[in-house]
Amino acid sequence: MTSPKAASPIVSNSRLILASESPRRLALLAQAGIVPAAVAPAHVDETPRKSEPPRAYALRLAVAKAKAIGAEAGTIVLAADTVVACGRRILPKASTSDEVRACLALLSGRRHQVITAVAALTHDKLRTRVAMTRVSFARLSDTDIQSYLDCGEGIGKAGGYAIQGRAEIFVRQISGSYSNVVGLPLFETVSLVRGCSFTFP
């Protein structure tokens, strides 16, 4: 039995800079055959504005991250922001176990939305795409939530969970892009880099 061949990197006459330090986004880009020339995390104020809808919030942050790095001629800056929302309520990127617990308690037995905005900035143009996936969680017991807290993987994650990890056992149904929930919708992202003159082998 032969091992599957790794995807060939996309060939381009432009340098691609990923404005994110997320290992999940790097892995997803590699899955699509895209290897950034550089990684330059963008640090922007992520405080939601008053009454700001989740989609508008994600798009604003993705654009702000791309512009914070800036693109010279021959350079493409790729940035993204992922938001977990229940209706119009934006859930935090959980920084403590208490925030993870609160997020999971809210998501338990409910359907929520995962929205990722992707921005591709060149020296003369800004291109954006937004993906939305609906995710339904099973009803979670206190034991389910505590077990997830004990594994620690919800810290630093939008909505307090990582679908690519143990939290996948909570997912009753998903409608839309799975890679979007992980942190980068591949269909939309590849469409953007193609629009920026990346060419496949």
N, C-alpha and C. Protein backbone atom coordinates (compact mmCIF):
# COMPACT_ATOMS: atom_id res chain seq x y z
N MET A 1 0.85 -1.19 0.00
CA MET A 1 0.00 0.00 0.00
C MET A 1 0.89 1.25 0.00
N THR A 2 0.70 2.11 -0.95
CA THR A 2 1.54 3.31 -1.06
C THR A 2 0.95 4.45 -0.26
N SER A 3 1.82 5.31 0.22
CA SER A 3 1.37 6.46 0.99
C SER A 3 0.82 7.52 0.05
N PRO A 4 -0.24 8.24 0.46
CA PRO A 4 -0.78 9.29 -0.41
C PRO A 4 0.23 10.40 -0.60
N LYS A 5 0.25 10.96 -1.79
CA LYS A 5 1.18 12.04 -2.09
C LYS A 5 0.71 13.34 -1.46
N ALA A 6 1.65 14.10 -0.95
CA ALA A 6 1.31 15.41 -0.39
C ALA A 6 0.92 16.35 -1.52
N ALA A 7 0.02 17.28 -1.20
CA ALA A 7 -0.42 18.24 -2.20
C ALA A 7 0.75 19.10 -2.65
N SER A 8 0.85 19.38 -3.94
CA SER A 8 1.91 20.24 -4.46
C SER A 8 1.60 21.69 -4.11
N PRO A 9 2.60 22.45 -3.66
CA PRO A 9 2.34 23.85 -3.33
C PRO A 9 1.86 24.64 -4.55
N ILE A 10 1.01 25.61 -4.29
CA ILE A 10 0.58 26.50 -5.35
C ILE A 10 1.76 27.35 -5.81
N VAL A 11 1.89 27.53 -7.09
CA VAL A 11 2.98 28.34 -7.64
C VAL A 11 2.44 29.73 -7.96
N SER A 12 3.16 30.75 -7.57
CA SER A 12 2.71 32.11 -7.80
C SER A 12 3.91 33.03 -8.00
N ASN A 13 3.67 34.13 -8.68
CA ASN A 13 4.74 35.13 -8.79
C ASN A 13 4.61 36.16 -7.68
N SER A 14 3.73 35.90 -6.70
CA SER A 14 3.54 36.80 -5.57
C SER A 14 3.87 36.08 -4.26
N ARG A 15 4.40 36.85 -3.29
CA ARG A 15 4.63 36.31 -1.96
C ARG A 15 3.33 36.38 -1.17
N LEU A 16 3.00 35.31 -0.48
CA LEU A 16 1.81 35.31 0.36
C LEU A 16 2.23 35.35 1.82
N ILE A 17 1.67 36.32 2.53
CA ILE A 17 1.94 36.47 3.96
C ILE A 17 0.65 36.15 4.72
N LEU A 18 0.73 35.24 5.65
CA LEU A 18 -0.42 34.90 6.48
C LEU A 18 -0.41 35.77 7.72
N ALA A 19 -1.46 36.59 7.88
CA ALA A 19 -1.55 37.51 9.01
C ALA A 19 -2.21 36.82 10.20
N SER A 20 -1.68 35.67 10.57
CA SER A 20 -2.25 34.89 11.67
C SER A 20 -1.19 33.94 12.20
N GLU A 21 -1.21 33.72 13.51
CA GLU A 21 -0.29 32.75 14.11
C GLU A 21 -1.00 31.43 14.40
N SER A 22 -2.24 31.27 13.92
CA SER A 22 -3.02 30.07 14.19
C SER A 22 -2.42 28.85 13.50
N PRO A 23 -2.04 27.82 14.25
CA PRO A 23 -1.54 26.60 13.62
C PRO A 23 -2.61 25.88 12.81
N ARG A 24 -3.87 26.09 13.18
CA ARG A 24 -4.96 25.46 12.43
C ARG A 24 -5.06 26.06 11.03
N ARG A 25 -4.91 27.37 10.92
CA ARG A 25 -4.98 28.00 9.60
C ARG A 25 -3.79 27.61 8.74
N LEU A 26 -2.62 27.51 9.34
CA LEU A 26 -1.46 27.05 8.58
C LEU A 26 -1.67 25.64 8.06
N ALA A 27 -2.22 24.77 8.91
CA ALA A 27 -2.46 23.39 8.50
C ALA A 27 -3.51 23.31 7.39
N LEU A 28 -4.54 24.12 7.48
CA LEU A 28 -5.57 24.12 6.45
C LEU A 28 -5.03 24.64 5.11
N LEU A 29 -4.20 25.67 5.17
CA LEU A 29 -3.58 26.16 3.94
C LEU A 29 -2.70 25.08 3.32
N ALA A 30 -1.94 24.37 4.14
CA ALA A 30 -1.10 23.29 3.63
C ALA A 30 -1.95 22.20 3.00
N GLN A 31 -3.11 21.94 3.59
CA GLN A 31 -4.03 20.94 3.03
C GLN A 31 -4.46 21.33 1.62
N ALA A 32 -4.59 22.65 1.39
CA ALA A 32 -4.97 23.16 0.07
C ALA A 32 -3.76 23.33 -0.84
N GLY A 33 -2.56 23.04 -0.35
CA GLY A 33 -1.36 23.17 -1.16
C GLY A 33 -0.74 24.55 -1.13
N ILE A 34 -1.12 25.37 -0.14
CA ILE A 34 -0.61 26.73 -0.05
C ILE A 34 0.36 26.83 1.12
N VAL A 35 1.58 27.23 0.85
CA VAL A 35 2.58 27.42 1.90
C VAL A 35 2.96 28.90 1.91
N PRO A 36 2.59 29.64 2.95
CA PRO A 36 2.93 31.07 2.99
C PRO A 36 4.43 31.30 2.97
N ALA A 37 4.82 32.39 2.34
CA ALA A 37 6.24 32.78 2.35
C ALA A 37 6.64 33.29 3.72
N ALA A 38 5.65 33.81 4.48
CA ALA A 38 5.94 34.33 5.81
C ALA A 38 4.66 34.32 6.63
N VAL A 39 4.83 34.28 7.95
CA VAL A 39 3.71 34.41 8.88
C VAL A 39 3.96 35.66 9.71
N ALA A 40 3.00 36.58 9.69
CA ALA A 40 3.15 37.85 10.40
C ALA A 40 1.84 38.14 11.15
N PRO A 41 1.72 37.63 12.37
CA PRO A 41 0.48 37.83 13.13
C PRO A 41 0.12 39.30 13.26
N ALA A 42 -1.13 39.62 13.01
CA ALA A 42 -1.61 40.99 13.13
C ALA A 42 -2.31 41.15 14.48
N HIS A 43 -2.00 42.20 15.19
CA HIS A 43 -2.59 42.45 16.50
C HIS A 43 -3.49 43.68 16.39
N VAL A 44 -4.80 43.43 16.50
CA VAL A 44 -5.77 44.52 16.41
C VAL A 44 -6.72 44.42 17.59
N ASP A 45 -7.41 45.50 17.86
CA ASP A 45 -8.41 45.53 18.92
C ASP A 45 -9.62 44.70 18.48
N GLU A 46 -9.91 43.63 19.21
CA GLU A 46 -10.99 42.73 18.81
C GLU A 46 -12.28 42.96 19.60
N THR A 47 -12.40 44.11 20.23
CA THR A 47 -13.61 44.43 20.99
C THR A 47 -14.77 44.68 20.04
N PRO A 48 -15.88 43.95 20.18
CA PRO A 48 -17.04 44.21 19.31
C PRO A 48 -17.62 45.60 19.58
N ARG A 49 -18.10 46.22 18.53
CA ARG A 49 -18.77 47.50 18.69
C ARG A 49 -20.20 47.27 19.19
N LYS A 50 -20.78 48.29 19.77
CA LYS A 50 -22.13 48.18 20.30
C LYS A 50 -23.12 47.79 19.21
N SER A 51 -23.86 46.71 19.45
CA SER A 51 -24.89 46.19 18.53
C SER A 51 -24.33 45.75 17.18
N GLU A 52 -23.03 45.46 17.12
CA GLU A 52 -22.41 45.04 15.86
C GLU A 52 -22.81 43.60 15.53
N PRO A 53 -23.38 43.33 14.35
CA PRO A 53 -23.75 41.97 13.99
C PRO A 53 -22.51 41.09 13.82
N PRO A 54 -22.63 39.78 14.09
CA PRO A 54 -21.47 38.89 14.00
C PRO A 54 -20.77 38.91 12.65
N ARG A 55 -21.54 38.93 11.55
CA ARG A 55 -20.92 38.91 10.22
C ARG A 55 -20.09 40.17 9.99
N ALA A 56 -20.67 41.32 10.35
CA ALA A 56 -19.96 42.59 10.17
C ALA A 56 -18.72 42.64 11.06
N TYR A 57 -18.82 42.09 12.25
CA TYR A 57 -17.69 42.06 13.17
C TYR A 57 -16.54 41.24 12.61
N ALA A 58 -16.84 40.02 12.13
CA ALA A 58 -15.80 39.16 11.56
C ALA A 58 -15.14 39.81 10.35
N LEU A 59 -15.95 40.43 9.49
CA LEU A 59 -15.40 41.07 8.29
C LEU A 59 -14.53 42.26 8.65
N ARG A 60 -14.98 43.05 9.61
CA ARG A 60 -14.19 44.23 10.03
C ARG A 60 -12.82 43.80 10.56
N LEU A 61 -12.80 42.74 11.37
CA LEU A 61 -11.52 42.30 11.94
C LEU A 61 -10.60 41.69 10.90
N ALA A 62 -11.15 40.91 9.98
CA ALA A 62 -10.31 40.32 8.93
C ALA A 62 -9.65 41.41 8.10
N VAL A 63 -10.41 42.43 7.73
CA VAL A 63 -9.87 43.55 6.94
C VAL A 63 -8.84 44.32 7.76
N ALA A 64 -9.13 44.56 9.03
CA ALA A 64 -8.20 45.30 9.89
C ALA A 64 -6.88 44.55 10.04
N LYS A 65 -6.93 43.23 10.16
CA LYS A 65 -5.71 42.43 10.29
C LYS A 65 -4.87 42.52 9.01
N ALA A 66 -5.53 42.42 7.86
CA ALA A 66 -4.80 42.50 6.59
C ALA A 66 -4.14 43.87 6.44
N LYS A 67 -4.89 44.92 6.75
CA LYS A 67 -4.35 46.28 6.60
C LYS A 67 -3.27 46.58 7.63
N ALA A 68 -3.34 45.93 8.79
CA ALA A 68 -2.31 46.14 9.81
C ALA A 68 -0.95 45.67 9.33
N ILE A 69 -0.93 44.63 8.50
CA ILE A 69 0.33 44.14 7.94
C ILE A 69 0.71 44.96 6.71
N GLY A 70 -0.27 45.21 5.82
CA GLY A 70 0.00 46.00 4.62
C GLY A 70 0.66 45.17 3.54
N ALA A 71 0.33 45.46 2.29
CA ALA A 71 0.85 44.70 1.16
C ALA A 71 1.64 45.59 0.22
N GLU A 72 2.86 45.18 -0.05
CA GLU A 72 3.67 45.86 -1.06
C GLU A 72 3.40 45.22 -2.41
N ALA A 73 3.94 45.81 -3.46
CA ALA A 73 3.81 45.22 -4.79
C ALA A 73 4.40 43.82 -4.78
N GLY A 74 3.67 42.88 -5.36
CA GLY A 74 4.14 41.50 -5.42
C GLY A 74 3.87 40.70 -4.16
N THR A 75 3.09 41.28 -3.24
CA THR A 75 2.78 40.61 -1.98
C THR A 75 1.28 40.50 -1.79
N ILE A 76 0.83 39.37 -1.27
CA ILE A 76 -0.56 39.16 -0.90
C ILE A 76 -0.60 38.90 0.60
N VAL A 77 -1.42 39.66 1.30
CA VAL A 77 -1.61 39.44 2.74
C VAL A 77 -2.96 38.76 2.93
N LEU A 78 -2.94 37.60 3.56
CA LEU A 78 -4.16 36.83 3.80
C LEU A 78 -4.48 36.87 5.28
N ALA A 79 -5.68 37.32 5.62
CA ALA A 79 -6.11 37.42 7.01
C ALA A 79 -7.51 36.85 7.16
N ALA A 80 -7.82 36.42 8.37
CA ALA A 80 -9.14 35.84 8.62
C ALA A 80 -9.55 36.07 10.06
N ASP A 81 -10.84 36.03 10.30
CA ASP A 81 -11.35 36.07 11.67
C ASP A 81 -12.59 35.18 11.75
N THR A 82 -12.62 34.35 12.79
CA THR A 82 -13.71 33.41 12.99
C THR A 82 -14.52 33.80 14.21
N VAL A 83 -15.84 33.81 14.06
CA VAL A 83 -16.75 34.20 15.13
C VAL A 83 -17.78 33.09 15.34
N VAL A 84 -18.03 32.78 16.60
CA VAL A 84 -19.12 31.86 16.96
C VAL A 84 -20.24 32.71 17.53
N ALA A 85 -21.45 32.52 17.01
CA ALA A 85 -22.56 33.37 17.42
C ALA A 85 -23.83 32.56 17.65
N CYS A 86 -24.58 32.97 18.66
CA CYS A 86 -25.94 32.47 18.88
C CYS A 86 -26.87 33.63 18.56
N GLY A 87 -27.53 33.55 17.40
CA GLY A 87 -28.31 34.68 16.96
C GLY A 87 -27.37 35.85 16.70
N ARG A 88 -27.63 36.99 17.34
CA ARG A 88 -26.77 38.17 17.19
C ARG A 88 -25.72 38.25 18.29
N ARG A 89 -25.73 37.29 19.20
CA ARG A 89 -24.77 37.32 20.32
C ARG A 89 -23.44 36.72 19.89
N ILE A 90 -22.36 37.50 20.05
CA ILE A 90 -21.02 37.04 19.71
C ILE A 90 -20.39 36.40 20.94
N LEU A 91 -19.99 35.14 20.81
CA LEU A 91 -19.33 34.46 21.92
C LEU A 91 -17.84 34.82 21.93
N PRO A 92 -17.23 34.84 23.11
CA PRO A 92 -15.82 35.24 23.18
C PRO A 92 -14.87 34.14 22.73
N LYS A 93 -13.62 34.53 22.48
CA LYS A 93 -12.54 33.55 22.40
C LYS A 93 -12.16 33.25 23.84
N ALA A 94 -12.59 32.10 24.30
CA ALA A 94 -12.51 31.80 25.73
C ALA A 94 -11.07 31.85 26.23
N SER A 95 -10.83 32.63 27.26
CA SER A 95 -9.49 32.76 27.82
C SER A 95 -9.36 32.08 29.17
N THR A 96 -10.47 31.64 29.74
CA THR A 96 -10.45 30.97 31.04
C THR A 96 -11.40 29.77 31.01
N SER A 97 -11.24 28.88 31.97
CA SER A 97 -12.15 27.73 32.08
C SER A 97 -13.59 28.18 32.33
N ASP A 98 -13.75 29.25 33.08
CA ASP A 98 -15.10 29.76 33.33
C ASP A 98 -15.77 30.21 32.04
N GLU A 99 -15.00 30.84 31.14
CA GLU A 99 -15.56 31.28 29.87
C GLU A 99 -15.89 30.08 28.98
N VAL A 100 -15.04 29.05 29.00
CA VAL A 100 -15.35 27.83 28.24
C VAL A 100 -16.64 27.22 28.77
N ARG A 101 -16.78 27.12 30.09
CA ARG A 101 -17.98 26.55 30.68
C ARG A 101 -19.24 27.33 30.28
N ALA A 102 -19.13 28.66 30.33
CA ALA A 102 -20.28 29.50 29.98
C ALA A 102 -20.67 29.32 28.51
N CYS A 103 -19.67 29.23 27.63
CA CYS A 103 -19.95 29.05 26.20
C CYS A 103 -20.64 27.71 25.96
N LEU A 104 -20.11 26.65 26.54
CA LEU A 104 -20.68 25.32 26.33
C LEU A 104 -22.08 25.22 26.90
N ALA A 105 -22.31 25.85 28.05
CA ALA A 105 -23.64 25.84 28.64
C ALA A 105 -24.64 26.55 27.72
N LEU A 106 -24.20 27.62 27.08
CA LEU A 106 -25.07 28.35 26.15
C LEU A 106 -25.32 27.54 24.88
N LEU A 107 -24.30 26.86 24.37
CA LEU A 107 -24.42 26.12 23.12
C LEU A 107 -25.13 24.77 23.30
N SER A 108 -25.20 24.28 24.51
CA SER A 108 -25.80 22.97 24.79
C SER A 108 -27.22 22.86 24.25
N GLY A 109 -27.45 21.86 23.39
CA GLY A 109 -28.78 21.59 22.87
C GLY A 109 -29.29 22.63 21.89
N ARG A 110 -28.41 23.49 21.39
CA ARG A 110 -28.84 24.57 20.51
C ARG A 110 -28.07 24.57 19.20
N ARG A 111 -28.61 25.29 18.25
CA ARG A 111 -27.92 25.51 16.98
C ARG A 111 -27.27 26.89 17.03
N HIS A 112 -26.04 26.96 16.52
CA HIS A 112 -25.35 28.24 16.47
C HIS A 112 -24.68 28.41 15.12
N GLN A 113 -24.10 29.56 14.89
CA GLN A 113 -23.45 29.86 13.62
C GLN A 113 -21.96 30.09 13.84
N VAL A 114 -21.17 29.59 12.91
CA VAL A 114 -19.74 29.89 12.88
C VAL A 114 -19.48 30.68 11.60
N ILE A 115 -18.97 31.88 11.75
CA ILE A 115 -18.77 32.80 10.63
C ILE A 115 -17.28 33.11 10.53
N THR A 116 -16.72 32.90 9.34
CA THR A 116 -15.33 33.29 9.11
C THR A 116 -15.27 34.25 7.93
N ALA A 117 -14.66 35.39 8.18
CA ALA A 117 -14.38 36.34 7.10
C ALA A 117 -12.92 36.20 6.70
N VAL A 118 -12.67 36.19 5.40
CA VAL A 118 -11.32 36.08 4.87
C VAL A 118 -11.04 37.30 4.01
N ALA A 119 -9.87 37.90 4.20
CA ALA A 119 -9.48 39.08 3.42
C ALA A 119 -8.14 38.81 2.75
N ALA A 120 -8.04 39.17 1.48
CA ALA A 120 -6.79 39.07 0.73
C ALA A 120 -6.46 40.47 0.22
N LEU A 121 -5.33 41.00 0.68
CA LEU A 121 -4.94 42.37 0.35
C LEU A 121 -3.70 42.36 -0.53
N THR A 122 -3.78 43.05 -1.67
CA THR A 122 -2.62 43.30 -2.51
C THR A 122 -2.36 44.80 -2.49
N HIS A 123 -1.32 45.24 -3.18
CA HIS A 123 -0.98 46.66 -3.12
C HIS A 123 -2.05 47.55 -3.73
N ASP A 124 -2.92 46.97 -4.58
CA ASP A 124 -3.91 47.80 -5.25
C ASP A 124 -5.35 47.36 -5.06
N LYS A 125 -5.59 46.28 -4.29
CA LYS A 125 -6.96 45.81 -4.16
C LYS A 125 -7.16 45.00 -2.89
N LEU A 126 -8.37 45.09 -2.34
CA LEU A 126 -8.79 44.28 -1.21
C LEU A 126 -9.94 43.38 -1.63
N ARG A 127 -9.78 42.08 -1.43
CA ARG A 127 -10.83 41.12 -1.75
C ARG A 127 -11.26 40.43 -0.47
N THR A 128 -12.57 40.19 -0.31
CA THR A 128 -13.07 39.55 0.90
C THR A 128 -14.12 38.50 0.55
N ARG A 129 -14.21 37.51 1.40
CA ARG A 129 -15.27 36.50 1.32
C ARG A 129 -15.69 36.17 2.75
N VAL A 130 -16.95 35.77 2.91
CA VAL A 130 -17.46 35.38 4.22
C VAL A 130 -18.17 34.04 4.10
N ALA A 131 -17.86 33.12 5.01
CA ALA A 131 -18.51 31.81 5.04
C ALA A 131 -19.26 31.65 6.35
N MET A 132 -20.41 30.97 6.29
CA MET A 132 -21.20 30.73 7.49
C MET A 132 -21.61 29.26 7.55
N THR A 133 -21.38 28.64 8.68
CA THR A 133 -21.74 27.25 8.90
C THR A 133 -22.66 27.16 10.12
N ARG A 134 -23.72 26.36 9.99
CA ARG A 134 -24.62 26.13 11.13
C ARG A 134 -24.22 24.83 11.83
N VAL A 135 -24.07 24.90 13.13
CA VAL A 135 -23.65 23.74 13.93
C VAL A 135 -24.68 23.52 15.03
N SER A 136 -25.14 22.27 15.19
CA SER A 136 -26.07 21.93 16.26
C SER A 136 -25.36 21.05 17.28
N PHE A 137 -25.41 21.45 18.54
CA PHE A 137 -24.82 20.67 19.62
C PHE A 137 -25.88 19.79 20.28
N ALA A 138 -25.46 18.64 20.74
CA ALA A 138 -26.31 17.81 21.58
C ALA A 138 -26.46 18.50 22.94
N ARG A 139 -27.42 18.05 23.72
CA ARG A 139 -27.55 18.58 25.07
C ARG A 139 -26.40 18.04 25.92
N LEU A 140 -25.67 18.93 26.56
CA LEU A 140 -24.49 18.54 27.31
C LEU A 140 -24.79 18.47 28.80
N SER A 141 -24.35 17.40 29.42
CA SER A 141 -24.49 17.27 30.87
C SER A 141 -23.37 18.02 31.56
N ASP A 142 -23.51 18.20 32.86
CA ASP A 142 -22.44 18.84 33.63
C ASP A 142 -21.15 18.01 33.52
N THR A 143 -21.31 16.69 33.46
CA THR A 143 -20.14 15.81 33.33
C THR A 143 -19.47 16.01 31.98
N ASP A 144 -20.27 16.15 30.91
CA ASP A 144 -19.70 16.41 29.58
C ASP A 144 -18.86 17.69 29.59
N ILE A 145 -19.43 18.73 30.17
CA ILE A 145 -18.75 20.03 30.18
C ILE A 145 -17.49 19.97 31.03
N GLN A 146 -17.58 19.33 32.20
CA GLN A 146 -16.40 19.25 33.06
C GLN A 146 -15.29 18.43 32.42
N SER A 147 -15.66 17.35 31.74
CA SER A 147 -14.66 16.53 31.06
C SER A 147 -13.95 17.33 29.99
N TYR A 148 -14.71 18.17 29.28
CA TYR A 148 -14.09 18.99 28.24
C TYR A 148 -13.20 20.06 28.86
N LEU A 149 -13.63 20.63 29.97
CA LEU A 149 -12.79 21.61 30.66
C LEU A 149 -11.47 20.97 31.10
N ASP A 150 -11.54 19.73 31.56
CA ASP A 150 -10.34 19.05 32.05
C ASP A 150 -9.31 18.83 30.95
N CYS A 151 -9.77 18.66 29.69
CA CYS A 151 -8.81 18.43 28.60
C CYS A 151 -8.13 19.72 28.15
N GLY A 152 -8.75 20.87 28.45
CA GLY A 152 -8.10 22.15 28.23
C GLY A 152 -8.09 22.69 26.82
N GLU A 153 -8.70 21.98 25.84
CA GLU A 153 -8.54 22.43 24.47
C GLU A 153 -9.44 23.60 24.09
N GLY A 154 -10.40 23.96 24.94
CA GLY A 154 -11.30 25.07 24.60
C GLY A 154 -10.70 26.44 24.85
N ILE A 155 -9.59 26.49 25.59
CA ILE A 155 -8.96 27.78 25.89
C ILE A 155 -8.40 28.39 24.60
N GLY A 156 -8.73 29.66 24.38
CA GLY A 156 -8.24 30.37 23.21
C GLY A 156 -9.05 30.13 21.95
N LYS A 157 -10.14 29.38 22.07
CA LYS A 157 -10.96 29.06 20.89
C LYS A 157 -12.23 29.90 20.89
N ALA A 158 -12.63 30.36 19.70
CA ALA A 158 -13.90 31.08 19.56
C ALA A 158 -15.04 30.17 19.99
N GLY A 159 -15.87 30.65 20.89
CA GLY A 159 -16.99 29.85 21.36
C GLY A 159 -16.60 28.80 22.38
N GLY A 160 -15.30 28.72 22.73
CA GLY A 160 -14.86 27.81 23.77
C GLY A 160 -14.73 26.36 23.36
N TYR A 161 -14.66 26.08 22.05
CA TYR A 161 -14.49 24.68 21.64
C TYR A 161 -13.72 24.59 20.33
N ALA A 162 -13.14 23.41 20.11
CA ALA A 162 -12.42 23.11 18.87
C ALA A 162 -13.06 21.89 18.23
N ILE A 163 -13.72 22.10 17.09
CA ILE A 163 -14.45 21.01 16.46
C ILE A 163 -13.51 19.90 15.98
N GLN A 164 -12.26 20.25 15.68
CA GLN A 164 -11.32 19.25 15.19
C GLN A 164 -10.74 18.40 16.33
N GLY A 165 -11.14 18.69 17.56
CA GLY A 165 -10.69 17.94 18.71
C GLY A 165 -11.82 17.15 19.35
N ARG A 166 -11.78 17.08 20.68
CA ARG A 166 -12.77 16.28 21.40
C ARG A 166 -14.18 16.82 21.29
N ALA A 167 -14.30 18.12 21.00
CA ALA A 167 -15.64 18.72 20.93
C ALA A 167 -16.46 18.18 19.77
N GLU A 168 -15.83 17.48 18.83
CA GLU A 168 -16.61 16.93 17.72
C GLU A 168 -17.66 15.94 18.20
N ILE A 169 -17.45 15.32 19.36
CA ILE A 169 -18.46 14.38 19.87
C ILE A 169 -19.73 15.10 20.32
N PHE A 170 -19.67 16.42 20.47
CA PHE A 170 -20.85 17.20 20.85
C PHE A 170 -21.72 17.56 19.65
N VAL A 171 -21.16 17.45 18.46
CA VAL A 171 -21.83 17.96 17.26
C VAL A 171 -22.87 16.97 16.76
N ARG A 172 -24.12 17.39 16.82
CA ARG A 172 -25.21 16.55 16.34
C ARG A 172 -25.43 16.71 14.84
N GLN A 173 -25.23 17.92 14.35
CA GLN A 173 -25.43 18.19 12.92
C GLN A 173 -24.61 19.40 12.52
N ILE A 174 -24.14 19.38 11.28
CA ILE A 174 -23.40 20.53 10.74
C ILE A 174 -23.89 20.79 9.32
N SER A 175 -24.12 22.04 9.02
CA SER A 175 -24.58 22.42 7.68
C SER A 175 -23.67 23.52 7.16
N GLY A 176 -22.84 23.17 6.17
CA GLY A 176 -21.90 24.13 5.62
C GLY A 176 -20.49 23.60 5.68
N SER A 177 -19.54 24.50 5.57
CA SER A 177 -18.13 24.15 5.48
C SER A 177 -17.56 23.72 6.83
N TYR A 178 -16.99 22.52 6.87
CA TYR A 178 -16.32 22.05 8.09
C TYR A 178 -15.04 22.84 8.34
N SER A 179 -14.26 23.10 7.29
CA SER A 179 -13.00 23.83 7.47
C SER A 179 -13.26 25.24 7.99
N ASN A 180 -14.43 25.79 7.68
CA ASN A 180 -14.79 27.09 8.23
C ASN A 180 -14.86 27.04 9.75
N VAL A 181 -15.41 25.97 10.29
CA VAL A 181 -15.54 25.84 11.74
C VAL A 181 -14.17 25.65 12.38
N VAL A 182 -13.27 24.98 11.66
CA VAL A 182 -11.90 24.82 12.16
C VAL A 182 -11.18 26.17 12.20
N GLY A 183 -11.50 27.05 11.24
CA GLY A 183 -10.90 28.38 11.28
C GLY A 183 -10.57 29.02 9.95
N LEU A 184 -10.78 28.29 8.83
CA LEU A 184 -10.49 28.89 7.53
C LEU A 184 -11.26 28.13 6.45
N PRO A 185 -12.28 28.75 5.85
CA PRO A 185 -13.05 28.07 4.81
C PRO A 185 -12.21 27.93 3.54
N LEU A 186 -11.89 26.69 3.18
CA LEU A 186 -10.93 26.47 2.10
C LEU A 186 -11.48 26.89 0.74
N PHE A 187 -12.74 26.64 0.46
CA PHE A 187 -13.30 27.00 -0.85
C PHE A 187 -13.17 28.51 -1.07
N GLU A 188 -13.59 29.28 -0.09
CA GLU A 188 -13.54 30.74 -0.22
C GLU A 188 -12.10 31.24 -0.27
N THR A 189 -11.23 30.64 0.53
CA THR A 189 -9.84 31.08 0.58
C THR A 189 -9.13 30.82 -0.74
N VAL A 190 -9.31 29.63 -1.30
CA VAL A 190 -8.69 29.32 -2.58
C VAL A 190 -9.22 30.24 -3.68
N SER A 191 -10.52 30.55 -3.63
CA SER A 191 -11.08 31.48 -4.61
C SER A 191 -10.41 32.85 -4.52
N LEU A 192 -10.13 33.29 -3.29
CA LEU A 192 -9.48 34.59 -3.12
C LEU A 192 -8.06 34.59 -3.66
N VAL A 193 -7.27 33.56 -3.32
CA VAL A 193 -5.87 33.57 -3.79
C VAL A 193 -5.80 33.39 -5.30
N ARG A 194 -6.73 32.66 -5.86
CA ARG A 194 -6.79 32.58 -7.33
C ARG A 194 -7.04 33.96 -7.93
N GLY A 195 -7.89 34.73 -7.29
CA GLY A 195 -8.17 36.09 -7.75
C GLY A 195 -6.98 37.02 -7.61
N CYS A 196 -6.01 36.62 -6.80
CA CYS A 196 -4.79 37.42 -6.61
C CYS A 196 -3.63 36.92 -7.45
N SER A 197 -3.94 36.15 -8.49
CA SER A 197 -2.96 35.68 -9.49
C SER A 197 -2.12 34.49 -9.04
N PHE A 198 -2.56 33.78 -8.01
CA PHE A 198 -1.94 32.49 -7.74
C PHE A 198 -2.37 31.52 -8.83
N THR A 199 -1.47 30.67 -9.25
CA THR A 199 -1.81 29.66 -10.27
C THR A 199 -1.43 28.29 -9.75
N PHE A 200 -2.30 27.33 -10.02
CA PHE A 200 -2.02 25.95 -9.61
C PHE A 200 -1.12 25.26 -10.63
N PRO A 201 -0.30 24.30 -10.18
CA PRO A 201 0.52 23.54 -11.12
C PRO A 201 -0.34 22.85 -12.15
